[in-house]
PDB file of N, CA and C in Angstrom:
ATOM      1  N   MET A   1      69.020  76.053 122.173  1.00  0.00           N
ATOM      2  CA  MET A   1      70.328  76.316 122.863  1.00  0.00           C
ATOM      3  C   MET A   1      71.367  76.620 121.744  1.00  0.00           C
ATOM      4  N   PRO A   2      72.147  77.747 121.982  1.00  0.00           N
ATOM      5  CA  PRO A   2      73.150  78.080 120.991  1.00  0.00           C
ATOM      6  C   PRO A   2      74.236  77.137 120.905  1.00  0.00           C
ATOM      7  N   GLU A   3      74.844  76.968 119.720  1.00  0.00           N
ATOM      8  CA  GLU A   3      75.973  76.029 119.539  1.00  0.00           C
ATOM      9  C   GLU A   3      77.252  76.648 120.177  1.00  0.00           C
ATOM     10  N   LYS A   4      78.007  75.787 120.684  1.00  0.00           N
ATOM     11  CA  LYS A   4      79.321  76.176 121.293  1.00  0.00           C
ATOM     12  C   LYS A   4      80.352  76.198 120.194  1.00  0.00           C
ATOM     13  N   ASN A   5      81.226  77.207 120.258  1.00  0.00           N
ATOM     14  CA  ASN A   5      82.270  77.382 119.279  1.00  0.00           C
ATOM     15  C   ASN A   5      83.535  76.851 119.850  1.00  0.00           C
ATOM     16  N   ASN A   6      84.029  75.694 119.178  1.00  0.00           N
ATOM     17  CA  ASN A   6      85.173  75.038 119.655  1.00  0.00           C
ATOM     18  C   ASN A   6      86.441  75.750 119.097  1.00  0.00           C
ATOM     19  N   LYS A   7      87.212  76.452 119.944  1.00  0.00           N
ATOM     20  CA  LYS A   7      88.375  77.187 119.441  1.00  0.00           C
ATOM     21  C   LYS A   7      89.606  76.399 119.305  1.00  0.00           C
ATOM     22  N   ASN A   8      89.553  75.115 119.835  1.00  0.00           N
ATOM     23  CA  ASN A   8      90.751  74.304 119.711  1.00  0.00           C
ATOM     24  C   ASN A   8      90.947  73.592 118.454  1.00  0.00           C
ATOM     25  N   LEU A   9      89.872  73.435 117.689  1.00  0.00           N
ATOM     26  CA  LEU A   9      90.010  72.743 116.381  1.00  0.00           C
ATOM     27  C   LEU A   9      89.496  73.584 115.304  1.00  0.00           C
ATOM     28  N   ASN A  10      90.196  73.629 114.237  1.00  0.00           N
ATOM     29  CA  ASN A  10      89.704  74.311 113.031  1.00  0.00           C
ATOM     30  C   ASN A  10      88.741  73.499 112.230  1.00  0.00           C
ATOM     31  N   ASP A  11      88.074  74.142 111.315  1.00  0.00           N
ATOM     32  CA  ASP A  11      87.160  73.314 110.437  1.00  0.00           C
ATOM     33  C   ASP A  11      87.901  72.189 109.668  1.00  0.00           C
ATOM     34  N   ASP A  12      89.187  72.460 109.425  1.00  0.00           N
ATOM     35  CA  ASP A  12      89.922  71.554 108.605  1.00  0.00           C
ATOM     36  C   ASP A  12      90.641  70.516 109.342  1.00  0.00           C
ATOM     37  N   ALA A  13      90.400  70.347 110.624  1.00  0.00           N
ATOM     38  CA  ALA A  13      91.002  69.267 111.487  1.00  0.00           C
ATOM     39  C   ALA A  13      90.015  68.383 112.076  1.00  0.00           C
ATOM     40  N   ALA A  14      90.393  67.175 112.355  1.00  0.00           N
ATOM     41  CA  ALA A  14      89.561  66.225 112.971  1.00  0.00           C
ATOM     42  C   ALA A  14      90.359  65.411 113.963  1.00  0.00           C
ATOM     43  N   ILE A  15      89.704  65.019 115.055  1.00  0.00           N
ATOM     44  CA  ILE A  15      90.337  64.143 116.055  1.00  0.00           C
ATOM     45  C   ILE A  15      90.239  62.806 115.547  1.00  0.00           C
ATOM     46  N   VAL A  16      91.374  62.048 115.413  1.00  0.00           N
ATOM     47  CA  VAL A  16      91.388  60.696 114.900  1.00  0.00           C
ATOM     48  C   VAL A  16      91.001  59.726 116.005  1.00  0.00           C
ATOM     49  N   ALA A  17      91.838  59.675 117.042  1.00  0.00           N
ATOM     50  CA  ALA A  17      91.541  58.676 118.117  1.00  0.00           C
ATOM     51  C   ALA A  17      92.270  59.113 119.385  1.00  0.00           C
ATOM     52  N   PRO A  18      91.594  58.871 120.528  1.00  0.00           N
ATOM     53  CA  PRO A  18      92.312  59.108 121.737  1.00  0.00           C
ATOM     54  C   PRO A  18      93.452  58.041 121.960  1.00  0.00           C
ATOM     55  N   VAL A  19      94.581  58.587 122.498  1.00  0.00           N
ATOM     56  CA  VAL A  19      95.727  57.731 122.751  1.00  0.00           C
ATOM     57  C   VAL A  19      96.210  58.000 124.178  1.00  0.00           C
ATOM     58  N   ASN A  20      96.433  56.911 124.966  1.00  0.00           N
ATOM     59  CA  ASN A  20      96.923  57.096 126.296  1.00  0.00           C
ATOM     60  C   ASN A  20      96.134  58.062 127.165  1.00  0.00           C
ATOM     61  N   PHE A  21      94.817  57.925 127.127  1.00  0.00           N
ATOM     62  CA  PHE A  21      94.062  58.847 127.895  1.00  0.00           C
ATOM     63  C   PHE A  21      93.845  58.310 129.366  1.00  0.00           C
ATOM     64  N   ASN A  22      94.124  59.296 130.285  1.00  0.00           N
ATOM     65  CA  ASN A  22      93.954  59.003 131.683  1.00  0.00           C
ATOM     66  C   ASN A  22      93.272  60.211 132.237  1.00  0.00           C
ATOM     67  N   ALA A  23      92.036  60.028 132.750  1.00  0.00           N
ATOM     68  CA  ALA A  23      91.231  61.268 133.141  1.00  0.00           C
ATOM     69  C   ALA A  23      91.845  62.050 134.290  1.00  0.00           C
ATOM     70  N   CYS A  24      92.659  61.380 135.082  1.00  0.00           N
ATOM     71  CA  CYS A  24      93.332  62.135 136.273  1.00  0.00           C
ATOM     72  C   CYS A  24      94.539  62.927 135.748  1.00  0.00           C
ATOM     73  N   ASP A  25      95.291  62.357 134.919  1.00  0.00           N
ATOM     74  CA  ASP A  25      96.584  62.931 134.611  1.00  0.00           C
ATOM     75  C   ASP A  25      96.447  63.790 133.236  1.00  0.00           C
ATOM     76  N   GLY A  26      95.333  63.773 132.598  1.00  0.00           N
ATOM     77  CA  GLY A  26      95.160  64.377 131.346  1.00  0.00           C
ATOM     78  C   GLY A  26      95.278  63.281 130.245  1.00  0.00           C
ATOM     79  N   GLY A  27      95.536  63.648 129.048  1.00  0.00           N
ATOM     80  CA  GLY A  27      95.580  62.703 127.992  1.00  0.00           C
ATOM     81  C   GLY A  27      96.191  63.216 126.714  1.00  0.00           C
ATOM     82  N   GLU A  28      96.395  62.382 125.786  1.00  0.00           N
ATOM     83  CA  GLU A  28      96.976  62.664 124.505  1.00  0.00           C
ATOM     84  C   GLU A  28      95.934  62.406 123.452  1.00  0.00           C
ATOM     85  N   ILE A  29      95.766  63.332 122.513  1.00  0.00           N
ATOM     86  CA  ILE A  29      94.882  63.043 121.345  1.00  0.00           C
ATOM     87  C   ILE A  29      95.712  63.320 120.130  1.00  0.00           C
ATOM     88  N   GLU A  30      95.333  62.625 119.071  1.00  0.00           N
ATOM     89  CA  GLU A  30      96.019  62.803 117.702  1.00  0.00           C
ATOM     90  C   GLU A  30      95.056  63.488 116.834  1.00  0.00           C
ATOM     91  N   ILE A  31      95.509  64.570 116.247  1.00  0.00           N
ATOM     92  CA  ILE A  31      94.678  65.397 115.318  1.00  0.00           C
ATOM     93  C   ILE A  31      95.312  65.306 113.883  1.00  0.00           C
ATOM     94  N   LYS A  32      94.463  64.971 112.921  1.00  0.00           N
ATOM     95  CA  LYS A  32      94.961  65.070 111.539  1.00  0.00           C
ATOM     96  C   LYS A  32      94.278  66.165 110.845  1.00  0.00           C
ATOM     97  N   THR A  33      95.007  67.022 110.140  1.00  0.00           N
ATOM     98  CA  THR A  33      94.491  68.152 109.384  1.00  0.00           C
ATOM     99  C   THR A  33      94.387  67.841 107.915  1.00  0.00           C
ATOM    100  N   ASN A  34      93.489  68.585 107.193  1.00  0.00           N
ATOM    101  CA  ASN A  34      93.338  68.320 105.713  1.00  0.00           C
ATOM    102  C   ASN A  34      94.621  68.674 104.949  1.00  0.00           C
ATOM    103  N   ASN A  35      95.538  69.494 105.521  1.00  0.00           N
ATOM    104  CA  ASN A  35      96.770  69.781 104.802  1.00  0.00           C
ATOM    105  C   ASN A  35      97.870  68.770 105.018  1.00  0.00           C
ATOM    106  N   GLY A  36      97.461  67.584 105.622  1.00  0.00           N
ATOM    107  CA  GLY A  36      98.368  66.488 105.675  1.00  0.00           C
ATOM    108  C   GLY A  36      99.256  66.382 106.904  1.00  0.00           C
ATOM    109  N   LEU A  37      99.022  67.357 107.979  1.00  0.00           N
ATOM    110  CA  LEU A  37      99.878  67.314 109.133  1.00  0.00           C
ATOM    111  C   LEU A  37      99.182  66.487 110.204  1.00  0.00           C
ATOM    112  N   THR A  38     100.045  65.821 110.974  1.00  0.00           N
ATOM    113  CA  THR A  38      99.477  65.063 112.169  1.00  0.00           C
ATOM    114  C   THR A  38     100.062  65.768 113.426  1.00  0.00           C
ATOM    115  N   MET A  39      99.216  66.104 114.373  1.00  0.00           N
ATOM    116  CA  MET A  39      99.624  66.732 115.625  1.00  0.00           C
ATOM    117  C   MET A  39      99.243  65.915 116.757  1.00  0.00           C
ATOM    118  N   LYS A  40     100.112  65.713 117.756  1.00  0.00           N
ATOM    119  CA  LYS A  40      99.837  65.072 118.976  1.00  0.00           C
ATOM    120  C   LYS A  40      99.734  66.114 120.070  1.00  0.00           C
ATOM    121  N   LYS A  41      98.560  66.144 120.726  1.00  0.00           N
ATOM    122  CA  LYS A  41      98.340  67.234 121.657  1.00  0.00           C
ATOM    123  C   LYS A  41      98.148  66.521 123.052  1.00  0.00           C
ATOM    124  N   THR A  42      98.979  66.878 124.006  1.00  0.00           N
ATOM    125  CA  THR A  42      98.935  66.264 125.342  1.00  0.00           C
ATOM    126  C   THR A  42      98.563  67.376 126.297  1.00  0.00           C
ATOM    127  N   SER A  43      97.562  67.201 127.090  1.00  0.00           N
ATOM    128  CA  SER A  43      97.106  68.161 128.084  1.00  0.00           C
ATOM    129  C   SER A  43      96.988  67.543 129.405  1.00  0.00           C
ATOM    130  N   GLY A  44      97.189  68.372 130.457  1.00  0.00           N
ATOM    131  CA  GLY A  44      97.075  67.903 131.786  1.00  0.00           C
ATOM    132  C   GLY A  44      97.531  68.946 132.746  1.00  0.00           C
ATOM    133  N   LYS A  45      97.538  68.625 134.004  1.00  0.00           N
ATOM    134  CA  LYS A  45      98.041  69.587 135.064  1.00  0.00           C
ATOM    135  C   LYS A  45      99.487  69.479 135.185  1.00  0.00           C
ATOM    136  N   GLY A  46     100.272  70.583 134.972  1.00  0.00           N
ATOM    137  CA  GLY A  46     101.705  70.651 135.140  1.00  0.00           C
ATOM    138  C   GLY A  46     101.958  71.249 136.495  1.00  0.00           C
ATOM    139  N   LYS A  47     103.238  71.563 136.716  1.00  0.00           N
ATOM    140  CA  LYS A  47     103.611  72.198 138.007  1.00  0.00           C
ATOM    141  C   LYS A  47     103.152  73.588 138.142  1.00  0.00           C
ATOM    142  N   ARG A  48     102.894  74.281 136.975  1.00  0.00           N
ATOM    143  CA  ARG A  48     102.392  75.570 136.865  1.00  0.00           C
ATOM    144  C   ARG A  48     100.986  75.723 136.379  1.00  0.00           C
ATOM    145  N   GLY A  49     100.137  74.722 136.655  1.00  0.00           N
ATOM    146  CA  GLY A  49      98.740  74.731 136.205  1.00  0.00           C
ATOM    147  C   GLY A  49      98.492  73.882 134.938  1.00  0.00           C
ATOM    148  N   ASP A  50      97.447  74.289 134.272  1.00  0.00           N
ATOM    149  CA  ASP A  50      96.980  73.530 133.033  1.00  0.00           C
ATOM    150  C   ASP A  50      98.050  73.712 132.039  1.00  0.00           C
ATOM    151  N   THR A  51      98.453  72.648 131.367  1.00  0.00           N
ATOM    152  CA  THR A  51      99.567  72.606 130.452  1.00  0.00           C
ATOM    153  C   THR A  51      99.170  71.833 129.167  1.00  0.00           C
ATOM    154  N   THR A  52      99.565  72.327 128.047  1.00  0.00           N
ATOM    155  CA  THR A  52      99.272  71.620 126.801  1.00  0.00           C
ATOM    156  C   THR A  52     100.574  71.603 125.989  1.00  0.00           C
ATOM    157  N   ILE A  53     100.973  70.519 125.533  1.00  0.00           N
ATOM    158  CA  ILE A  53     102.204  70.307 124.651  1.00  0.00           C
ATOM    159  C   ILE A  53     101.762  69.713 123.330  1.00  0.00           C
ATOM    160  N   ASN A  54     102.032  70.548 122.290  1.00  0.00           N
ATOM    161  CA  ASN A  54     101.670  70.110 120.938  1.00  0.00           C
ATOM    162  C   ASN A  54     102.916  69.726 120.186  1.00  0.00           C
ATOM    163  N   ILE A  55     102.887  68.511 119.559  1.00  0.00           N
ATOM    164  CA  ILE A  55     104.017  68.038 118.734  1.00  0.00           C
ATOM    165  C   ILE A  55     103.431  67.836 117.334  1.00  0.00           C
ATOM    166  N   ILE A  56     104.032  68.520 116.357  1.00  0.00           N
ATOM    167  CA  ILE A  56     103.662  68.280 114.916  1.00  0.00           C
ATOM    168  C   ILE A  56     104.527  67.149 114.427  1.00  0.00           C
ATOM    169  N   VAL A  57     104.009  65.984 114.270  1.00  0.00           N
ATOM    170  CA  VAL A  57     104.697  64.729 114.016  1.00  0.00           C
ATOM    171  C   VAL A  57     105.472  64.895 112.703  1.00  0.00           C
ATOM    172  N   ASN A  58     104.910  65.483 111.734  1.00  0.00           N
ATOM    173  CA  ASN A  58     105.502  65.681 110.350  1.00  0.00           C
ATOM    174  C   ASN A  58     106.733  66.498 110.378  1.00  0.00           C
ATOM    175  N   TYR A  59     106.900  67.364 111.423  1.00  0.00           N
ATOM    176  CA  TYR A  59     108.098  68.263 111.466  1.00  0.00           C
ATOM    177  C   TYR A  59     109.209  67.624 112.292  1.00  0.00           C
ATOM    178  N   CYS A  60     108.937  66.807 113.213  1.00  0.00           N
ATOM    179  CA  CYS A  60     109.971  66.271 114.123  1.00  0.00           C
ATOM    180  C   CYS A  60     110.844  65.250 113.350  1.00  0.00           C
ATOM    181  N   LYS A  61     112.159  65.551 113.453  1.00  0.00           N
ATOM    182  CA  LYS A  61     113.131  64.714 112.696  1.00  0.00           C
ATOM    183  C   LYS A  61     113.919  63.823 113.607  1.00  0.00           C
ATOM    184  N   GLY A  62     113.535  63.843 114.964  1.00  0.00           N
ATOM    185  CA  GLY A  62     114.119  62.957 115.949  1.00  0.00           C
ATOM    186  C   GLY A  62     115.572  63.335 116.388  1.00  0.00           C
ATOM    187  N   CYS A  63     115.865  64.634 116.398  1.00  0.00           N
ATOM    188  CA  CYS A  63     117.231  65.093 116.814  1.00  0.00           C
ATOM    189  C   CYS A  63     117.444  64.950 118.257  1.00  0.00           C
ATOM    190  N   GLU A  64     116.433  64.831 119.065  1.00  0.00           N
ATOM    191  CA  GLU A  64     116.543  64.570 120.536  1.00  0.00           C
ATOM    192  C   GLU A  64     116.964  65.748 121.352  1.00  0.00           C
ATOM    193  N   LEU A  65     117.037  66.935 120.789  1.00  0.00           N
ATOM    194  CA  LEU A  65     117.461  68.080 121.562  1.00  0.00           C
ATOM    195  C   LEU A  65     116.471  68.408 122.716  1.00  0.00           C
ATOM    196  N   CYS A  66     115.240  68.356 122.385  1.00  0.00           N
ATOM    197  CA  CYS A  66     114.191  68.561 123.457  1.00  0.00           C
ATOM    198  C   CYS A  66     114.247  67.663 124.519  1.00  0.00           C
ATOM    199  N   VAL A  67     114.558  66.305 124.226  1.00  0.00           N
ATOM    200  CA  VAL A  67     114.700  65.303 125.252  1.00  0.00           C
ATOM    201  C   VAL A  67     115.933  65.522 126.092  1.00  0.00           C
ATOM    202  N   ALA A  68     117.020  65.907 125.471  1.00  0.00           N
ATOM    203  CA  ALA A  68     118.252  66.043 126.172  1.00  0.00           C
ATOM    204  C   ALA A  68     118.307  67.196 127.134  1.00  0.00           C
ATOM    205  N   PHE A  69     117.618  68.296 126.696  1.00  0.00           N
ATOM    206  CA  PHE A  69     117.717  69.508 127.467  1.00  0.00           C
ATOM    207  C   PHE A  69     116.507  69.791 128.334  1.00  0.00           C
ATOM    208  N   CYS A  70     115.467  68.950 128.479  1.00  0.00           N
ATOM    209  CA  CYS A  70     114.283  69.123 129.311  1.00  0.00           C
ATOM    210  C   CYS A  70     114.745  69.001 130.734  1.00  0.00           C
ATOM    211  N   PRO A  71     114.654  70.079 131.598  1.00  0.00           N
ATOM    212  CA  PRO A  71     115.090  69.934 132.953  1.00  0.00           C
ATOM    213  C   PRO A  71     114.307  69.034 133.800  1.00  0.00           C
ATOM    214  N   GLU A  72     113.076  68.706 133.442  1.00  0.00           N
ATOM    215  CA  GLU A  72     112.186  67.889 134.196  1.00  0.00           C
ATOM    216  C   GLU A  72     112.068  66.429 133.676  1.00  0.00           C
ATOM    217  N   HIS A  73     112.700  66.144 132.546  1.00  0.00           N
ATOM    218  CA  HIS A  73     112.719  64.801 131.898  1.00  0.00           C
ATOM    219  C   HIS A  73     111.286  64.337 131.646  1.00  0.00           C
ATOM    220  N   ILE A  74     110.531  65.138 130.999  1.00  0.00           N
ATOM    221  CA  ILE A  74     109.137  64.760 130.698  1.00  0.00           C
ATOM    222  C   ILE A  74     109.015  64.210 129.258  1.00  0.00           C
ATOM    223  N   LEU A  75     110.021  64.224 128.484  1.00  0.00           N
ATOM    224  CA  LEU A  75     110.020  63.766 127.073  1.00  0.00           C
ATOM    225  C   LEU A  75     110.940  62.568 126.918  1.00  0.00           C
ATOM    226  N   GLU A  76     110.547  61.789 125.924  1.00  0.00           N
ATOM    227  CA  GLU A  76     111.326  60.607 125.500  1.00  0.00           C
ATOM    228  C   GLU A  76     111.065  60.359 124.045  1.00  0.00           C
ATOM    229  N   MET A  77     111.970  59.606 123.408  1.00  0.00           N
ATOM    230  CA  MET A  77     111.777  59.261 122.016  1.00  0.00           C
ATOM    231  C   MET A  77     110.959  57.989 121.819  1.00  0.00           C
ATOM    232  N   ASP A  78     110.012  58.016 120.941  1.00  0.00           N
ATOM    233  CA  ASP A  78     109.243  56.860 120.596  1.00  0.00           C
ATOM    234  C   ASP A  78     109.568  56.557 119.138  1.00  0.00           C
ATOM    235  N   LYS A  79     110.507  55.744 118.976  1.00  0.00           N
ATOM    236  CA  LYS A  79     111.125  55.456 117.642  1.00  0.00           C
ATOM    237  C   LYS A  79     111.863  56.750 117.186  1.00  0.00           C
ATOM    238  N   GLU A  80     111.366  57.413 116.197  1.00  0.00           N
ATOM    239  CA  GLU A  80     111.962  58.641 115.728  1.00  0.00           C
ATOM    240  C   GLU A  80     111.239  59.898 116.071  1.00  0.00           C
ATOM    241  N   ILE A  81     110.157  59.825 116.879  1.00  0.00           N
ATOM    242  CA  ILE A  81     109.333  60.984 117.193  1.00  0.00           C
ATOM    243  C   ILE A  81     109.339  61.171 118.717  1.00  0.00           C
ATOM    244  N   VAL A  82     109.352  62.424 119.139  1.00  0.00           N
ATOM    245  CA  VAL A  82     109.349  62.726 120.609  1.00  0.00           C
ATOM    246  C   VAL A  82     107.911  62.484 121.076  1.00  0.00           C
ATOM    247  N   LYS A  83     107.808  62.106 122.375  1.00  0.00           N
ATOM    248  CA  LYS A  83     106.525  61.941 123.030  1.00  0.00           C
ATOM    249  C   LYS A  83     106.589  62.415 124.417  1.00  0.00           C
ATOM    250  N   VAL A  84     105.462  62.849 125.013  1.00  0.00           N
ATOM    251  CA  VAL A  84     105.403  63.338 126.400  1.00  0.00           C
ATOM    252  C   VAL A  84     105.146  62.115 127.302  1.00  0.00           C
ATOM    253  N   ILE A  85     105.897  61.940 128.296  1.00  0.00           N
ATOM    254  CA  ILE A  85     105.779  60.726 129.221  1.00  0.00           C
ATOM    255  C   ILE A  85     105.185  61.087 130.554  1.00  0.00           C
ATOM    256  N   ASP A  86     105.418  62.357 130.976  1.00  0.00           N
ATOM    257  CA  ASP A  86     104.786  62.760 132.229  1.00  0.00           C
ATOM    258  C   ASP A  86     104.528  64.308 132.272  1.00  0.00           C
ATOM    259  N   ILE A  87     103.368  64.712 131.844  1.00  0.00           N
ATOM    260  CA  ILE A  87     103.081  66.111 131.716  1.00  0.00           C
ATOM    261  C   ILE A  87     103.007  66.738 133.170  1.00  0.00           C
ATOM    262  N   SER A  88     102.736  65.976 134.207  1.00  0.00           N
ATOM    263  CA  SER A  88     102.589  66.527 135.515  1.00  0.00           C
ATOM    264  C   SER A  88     103.871  67.147 136.076  1.00  0.00           C
ATOM    265  N   LYS A  89     105.009  66.889 135.520  1.00  0.00           N
ATOM    266  CA  LYS A  89     106.269  67.467 135.918  1.00  0.00           C
ATOM    267  C   LYS A  89     106.597  68.738 135.119  1.00  0.00           C
ATOM    268  N   CYS A  90     105.846  69.050 134.076  1.00  0.00           N
ATOM    269  CA  CYS A  90     106.161  70.215 133.228  1.00  0.00           C
ATOM    270  C   CYS A  90     106.088  71.515 133.984  1.00  0.00           C
ATOM    271  N   THR A  91     107.065  72.358 133.863  1.00  0.00           N
ATOM    272  CA  THR A  91     107.166  73.661 134.545  1.00  0.00           C
ATOM    273  C   THR A  91     106.854  74.867 133.468  1.00  0.00           C
ATOM    274  N   LYS A  92     106.559  74.481 132.278  1.00  0.00           N
ATOM    275  CA  LYS A  92     106.380  75.405 131.157  1.00  0.00           C
ATOM    276  C   LYS A  92     107.560  76.342 131.026  1.00  0.00           C
ATOM    277  N   CYS A  93     108.816  75.772 131.058  1.00  0.00           N
ATOM    278  CA  CYS A  93     110.022  76.537 130.925  1.00  0.00           C
ATOM    279  C   CYS A  93     110.237  76.858 129.434  1.00  0.00           C
ATOM    280  N   ASN A  94     109.593  76.066 128.558  1.00  0.00           N
ATOM    281  CA  ASN A  94     109.624  76.231 127.088  1.00  0.00           C
ATOM    282  C   ASN A  94     110.980  75.924 126.504  1.00  0.00           C
ATOM    283  N   MET A  95     111.823  75.280 127.204  1.00  0.00           N
ATOM    284  CA  MET A  95     113.143  74.884 126.735  1.00  0.00           C
ATOM    285  C   MET A  95     113.047  74.003 125.396  1.00  0.00           C
ATOM    286  N   CYS A  96     112.101  73.053 125.410  1.00  0.00           N
ATOM    287  CA  CYS A  96     111.959  72.227 124.312  1.00  0.00           C
ATOM    288  C   CYS A  96     111.559  72.983 123.069  1.00  0.00           C
ATOM    289  N   GLU A  97     110.585  73.911 123.276  1.00  0.00           N
ATOM    290  CA  GLU A  97     110.167  74.750 122.155  1.00  0.00           C
ATOM    291  C   GLU A  97     111.268  75.656 121.622  1.00  0.00           C
ATOM    292  N   TYR A  98     112.041  76.268 122.523  1.00  0.00           N
ATOM    293  CA  TYR A  98     113.199  77.186 122.048  1.00  0.00           C
ATOM    294  C   TYR A  98     114.276  76.442 121.279  1.00  0.00           C
ATOM    295  N   LEU A  99     114.526  75.142 121.732  1.00  0.00           N
ATOM    296  CA  LEU A  99     115.672  74.444 121.111  1.00  0.00           C
ATOM    297  C   LEU A  99     115.265  73.686 119.911  1.00  0.00           C
ATOM    298  N   CYS A 100     114.017  73.467 119.569  1.00  0.00           N
ATOM    299  CA  CYS A 100     113.575  72.683 118.441  1.00  0.00           C
ATOM    300  C   CYS A 100     113.930  73.409 117.130  1.00  0.00           C
ATOM    301  N   PRO A 101     114.826  72.833 116.258  1.00  0.00           N
ATOM    302  CA  PRO A 101     115.213  73.516 115.077  1.00  0.00           C
ATOM    303  C   PRO A 101     114.107  73.464 114.041  1.00  0.00           C
ATOM    304  N   ASP A 102     113.139  72.632 114.190  1.00  0.00           N
ATOM    305  CA  ASP A 102     112.097  72.425 113.204  1.00  0.00           C
ATOM    306  C   ASP A 102     110.688  72.964 113.615  1.00  0.00           C
ATOM    307  N   PHE A 103     110.616  73.645 114.794  1.00  0.00           N
ATOM    308  CA  PHE A 103     109.439  74.202 115.288  1.00  0.00           C
ATOM    309  C   PHE A 103     108.293  73.185 115.388  1.00  0.00           C
ATOM    310  N   SER A 104     108.741  71.934 115.807  1.00  0.00           N
ATOM    311  CA  SER A 104     107.689  70.852 115.877  1.00  0.00           C
ATOM    312  C   SER A 104     107.022  70.804 117.228  1.00  0.00           C
ATOM    313  N   ILE A 105     107.500  71.413 118.237  1.00  0.00           N
ATOM    314  CA  ILE A 105     106.936  71.323 119.640  1.00  0.00           C
ATOM    315  C   ILE A 105     106.584  72.671 120.136  1.00  0.00           C
ATOM    316  N   SER A 106     105.411  72.852 120.803  1.00  0.00           N
ATOM    317  CA  SER A 106     105.051  74.063 121.390  1.00  0.00           C
ATOM    318  C   SER A 106     104.378  73.767 122.789  1.00  0.00           C
ATOM    319  N   VAL A 107     104.566  74.634 123.714  1.00  0.00           N
ATOM    320  CA  VAL A 107     104.005  74.498 125.083  1.00  0.00           C
ATOM    321  C   VAL A 107     103.095  75.702 125.329  1.00  0.00           C
ATOM    322  N   GLU A 108     101.878  75.371 125.853  1.00  0.00           N
ATOM    323  CA  GLU A 108     100.903  76.358 126.167  1.00  0.00           C
ATOM    324  C   GLU A 108     100.608  76.243 127.640  1.00  0.00           C
TER     325      GLU A 108
END
């Protein structure tokens, strides 16, 4: 049987541990790359279908712009880093991504 090519992870990245995984709502995984970055990837069903929100932890400085301007209130601060609290409400408006001064959040 041919091997499957996983396009989500590069050869230089590894999944460290599942965090807050719920099979119905999706889940969050933490990925550490060889170049020293840590990314939290949250996937699930949003209001407009499958949604993935990536947060590069090393880039987030805790300015709270994404939290303040999210029209669906799906983000909150966890100490100094933003986290996704309810991906099922996400409309993929990308407001968080547009307002982030450090390019630490992206929505797919």
